[in-house]
Protein backbone atom coordinates (compact mmCIF):
# COMPACT_ATOMS: atom_id res chain seq x y z
CA MET A 1 -0.01 0.02 0.04
CA LYS A 2 2.86 2.26 0.71
CA LYS A 3 4.59 2.34 -2.25
CA ILE A 4 0.98 2.82 -4.30
CA PHE A 5 1.76 5.78 -2.18
CA GLU A 6 4.40 6.74 -3.14
CA THR A 7 4.01 6.13 -6.99
CA LEU A 8 1.12 8.56 -6.23
CA ASP A 9 2.72 11.00 -4.90
CA LYS A 10 5.72 11.18 -7.36
CA TRP A 11 2.93 11.12 -10.45
CA LEU A 12 1.43 13.97 -8.65
CA ASP A 13 4.46 15.68 -8.22
CA TYR A 14 5.07 15.20 -11.82
CA LEU A 15 1.71 16.43 -12.97
CA ASN A 16 1.69 19.57 -11.15
CA MET A 17 5.39 20.73 -11.84
CA THR A 18 4.47 19.56 -15.40
CA VAL A 19 1.35 21.58 -15.71
CA MET A 20 2.27 24.51 -13.62
CA THR A 21 5.94 24.74 -15.91
CA VAL A 22 4.27 24.59 -18.95
CA MET A 23 1.51 26.75 -18.54
CA MET A 24 3.47 29.67 -17.23
CA ALA A 25 5.61 29.42 -19.74
CA LEU A 26 3.20 29.36 -22.33
CA ALA A 27 1.42 32.03 -20.96
CA THR A 28 4.56 34.21 -21.18
CA ILE A 29 5.19 33.45 -24.69
CA VAL A 30 1.80 34.56 -25.67
CA ALA A 31 1.98 37.67 -23.44
CA PHE A 32 5.49 38.34 -25.32
CA ILE A 33 4.39 37.61 -28.52
CA ASN A 34 1.45 40.35 -28.47
CA VAL A 35 3.67 42.70 -27.28
CA VAL A 36 5.81 42.57 -29.50
CA LEU A 37 3.16 42.25 -32.08
CA ARG A 38 1.56 45.37 -30.87
CA TYR A 39 4.58 47.54 -30.40
CA VAL A 40 6.27 46.38 -33.04
CA PHE A 41 3.76 45.62 -36.00
CA ASN A 42 1.27 47.83 -34.78
CA SER A 43 -1.10 44.49 -34.55
CA SER A 44 -2.19 41.88 -32.04
CA LEU A 45 -3.55 38.35 -30.78
CA VAL A 46 -7.11 39.25 -30.04
CA TRP A 47 -7.40 36.27 -27.80
CA ALA A 48 -3.77 36.34 -26.44
CA GLY A 49 -4.88 38.20 -23.02
CA GLU A 50 -7.64 35.69 -22.52
CA LEU A 51 -5.66 32.57 -23.11
CA THR A 52 -2.50 34.32 -21.17
CA SER A 53 -5.33 34.82 -18.01
CA TYR A 54 -6.31 31.13 -18.23
CA LEU A 55 -2.97 29.70 -18.10
CA PHE A 56 -1.49 31.74 -15.45
CA ILE A 57 -4.55 30.97 -13.60
CA TRP A 58 -4.37 27.12 -14.41
CA SER A 59 -0.47 27.77 -13.36
CA ALA A 60 -1.18 29.30 -10.25
CA LEU A 61 -3.59 26.84 -9.04
CA PHE A 62 -1.73 23.61 -9.86
CA GLY A 63 1.20 25.77 -8.12
CA ALA A 64 -1.22 26.36 -4.99
CA ALA A 65 -1.51 22.45 -5.32
CA TYR A 66 2.20 21.69 -4.97
CA GLY A 67 2.32 24.27 -2.06
CA PHE A 68 0.43 22.40 0.09
CA LYS A 69 2.72 19.19 -0.39
CA ILE A 70 5.96 21.24 0.54
CA GLY A 71 4.11 23.75 3.26
CA LEU A 72 4.47 26.96 1.89
CA HIS A 73 1.12 26.90 2.45
CA ILE A 74 0.11 26.22 6.02
CA GLY A 75 0.63 28.98 7.98
CA VAL A 76 1.33 30.26 11.99
CA THR A 77 3.78 28.20 11.73
CA ALA A 78 5.84 30.56 14.44
CA VAL A 79 3.15 29.81 17.32
CA ILE A 80 3.10 26.25 16.38
CA GLN A 81 6.80 25.93 16.59
CA SER A 82 6.72 27.51 20.17
CA LEU A 83 4.35 24.66 22.07
CA LYS A 84 5.10 21.63 23.57
CA PRO A 85 4.93 18.68 21.23
CA LYS A 86 2.01 17.49 22.47
CA ILE A 87 0.05 20.70 22.41
CA ALA A 88 1.70 21.35 18.59
CA LYS A 89 0.82 17.81 17.50
CA VAL A 90 -2.95 18.67 18.90
CA VAL A 91 -2.94 21.86 17.17
CA LEU A 92 -1.47 21.65 13.80
CA THR A 93 -3.98 18.56 13.75
CA ILE A 94 -6.96 20.69 14.07
CA SER A 95 -5.41 23.09 11.42
CA LEU A 96 -4.77 20.52 8.93
CA ILE A 97 -8.32 19.25 9.51
CA VAL A 98 -9.79 22.47 9.11
CA ILE A 99 -8.02 23.22 5.81
CA PHE A 100 -8.62 19.76 4.78
CA ILE A 101 -12.48 20.14 5.43
CA TYR A 102 -12.59 23.19 3.23
CA LEU A 103 -9.98 22.36 0.40
CA CYS A 104 -12.94 18.97 0.33
CA LEU A 105 -15.86 22.22 -0.41
CA LEU A 106 -13.74 23.68 -2.97
CA VAL A 107 -13.63 20.30 -4.69
CA LYS A 108 -17.23 20.16 -4.50
CA TRP A 109 -18.05 23.55 -5.61
CA GLY A 110 -16.09 23.49 -8.45
CA TYR A 111 -17.31 20.24 -9.80
CA ASP A 112 -20.24 21.72 -9.17
CA PHE A 113 -19.12 24.88 -11.07
CA VAL A 114 -18.21 22.92 -14.10
CA ILE A 115 -21.15 20.46 -14.39
CA PHE A 116 -23.18 24.19 -14.32
CA ASN A 117 -21.06 25.63 -17.15
CA TYR A 118 -21.15 21.96 -18.86
CA GLU A 119 -24.79 22.21 -18.93
CA LEU A 120 -25.02 26.11 -19.88
CA GLU A 121 -22.54 25.28 -22.71
CA GLN A 122 -20.94 28.70 -22.84
CA VAL A 123 -17.81 29.03 -24.62
CA SER A 124 -15.11 31.51 -23.70
CA ILE A 125 -15.37 35.00 -25.71
CA ASP A 126 -12.20 34.85 -27.98
CA LEU A 127 -10.90 31.50 -27.73
CA HIS A 128 -14.53 29.46 -27.99
CA LEU A 129 -13.24 27.01 -25.38
CA PRO A 130 -16.43 25.72 -23.38
CA PHE A 131 -15.82 27.48 -19.88
CA TRP A 132 -16.45 23.74 -17.84
CA ILE A 133 -13.00 22.75 -19.55
CA ILE A 134 -11.31 26.39 -18.25
CA TYR A 135 -13.05 25.49 -14.70
CA LEU A 136 -11.50 22.19 -14.30
CA CYS A 137 -8.63 23.40 -12.87
CA VAL A 138 -10.34 24.29 -9.14
CA PRO A 139 -11.62 20.66 -8.72
CA ILE A 140 -8.31 18.91 -9.73
CA THR A 141 -6.05 21.03 -8.39
CA MET A 142 -8.45 21.39 -4.86
CA SER A 143 -8.20 17.37 -4.92
CA ILE A 144 -4.84 17.27 -4.87
CA ALA A 145 -4.40 19.93 -2.51
CA ALA A 146 -6.41 17.69 -0.19
CA TYR A 147 -4.82 14.67 -0.70
CA GLN A 148 -1.46 16.37 0.31
CA VAL A 149 -3.32 17.57 2.95
CA LEU A 150 -4.56 14.33 4.06
CA LEU A 151 -1.00 12.85 3.59
CA LYS A 152 -0.02 15.30 6.20
CA ILE A 153 -2.78 14.76 8.52
CA ILE A 154 -1.87 11.04 8.60
CA ALA A 155 2.02 11.40 9.23
CA THR A 156 1.12 14.12 11.68
CA LEU A 157 -0.91 11.46 13.58
CA LYS A 158 1.52 8.62 13.28
CA ILE A 159 4.25 10.73 15.16
CA PRO A 160 4.39 10.00 19.08
CA ALA A 161 3.44 13.49 20.94
CA ASP A 162 6.59 13.92 22.99
CA LYS A 163 9.07 13.41 19.48
CA PHE A 164 6.79 15.38 17.32
CA SER A 165 8.25 18.89 15.47
CA TYR A 166 6.08 21.15 13.04
CA ASP A 167 9.41 20.55 10.07
CA MET A 168 9.06 16.96 10.75
CA ILE A 169 5.13 17.40 9.01
CA MET A 170 5.56 20.49 7.03
CA LYS A 171 9.46 20.93 5.95
CA GLU A 172 9.04 17.84 3.12
CA GLN A 173 11.81 17.04 0.46
CA HIS A 174 11.07 18.50 -2.47
């Protein structure tokens, strides 16, 4: 079972990093080309602004999902690190559970929003992309983030309270 989670974790890391990098690179290239076209040739790609926005959003959300894995988002570090190990473990566990519930609600909301837009059959103005495809990034990335937080909850619960430290859970190698 551990091997399955390790494989899934590696695959999700690869997915997050690839999507985040490719989307950011494409957004930068499209924006750069459009700026050159506008200022050098007095012309532009009408769809470039819309595409750049969507690519940045996808990049940011996949980056956010990856941030949950490496402990970039979950705050109150100074407070938790100042507590005794047993209390710190309880506080971090509660914090992670609240975050997990919130992320699960975002997955549900994102899924409902995708279905809603699928049924409406609306498309973006310039790209003529169905909005449900654009909004797919929300349930996908929030699912990945929720999975990463769930792994942190499990890891927190496995560590004996007297040996617990914040860094053992949150400062994962990346």
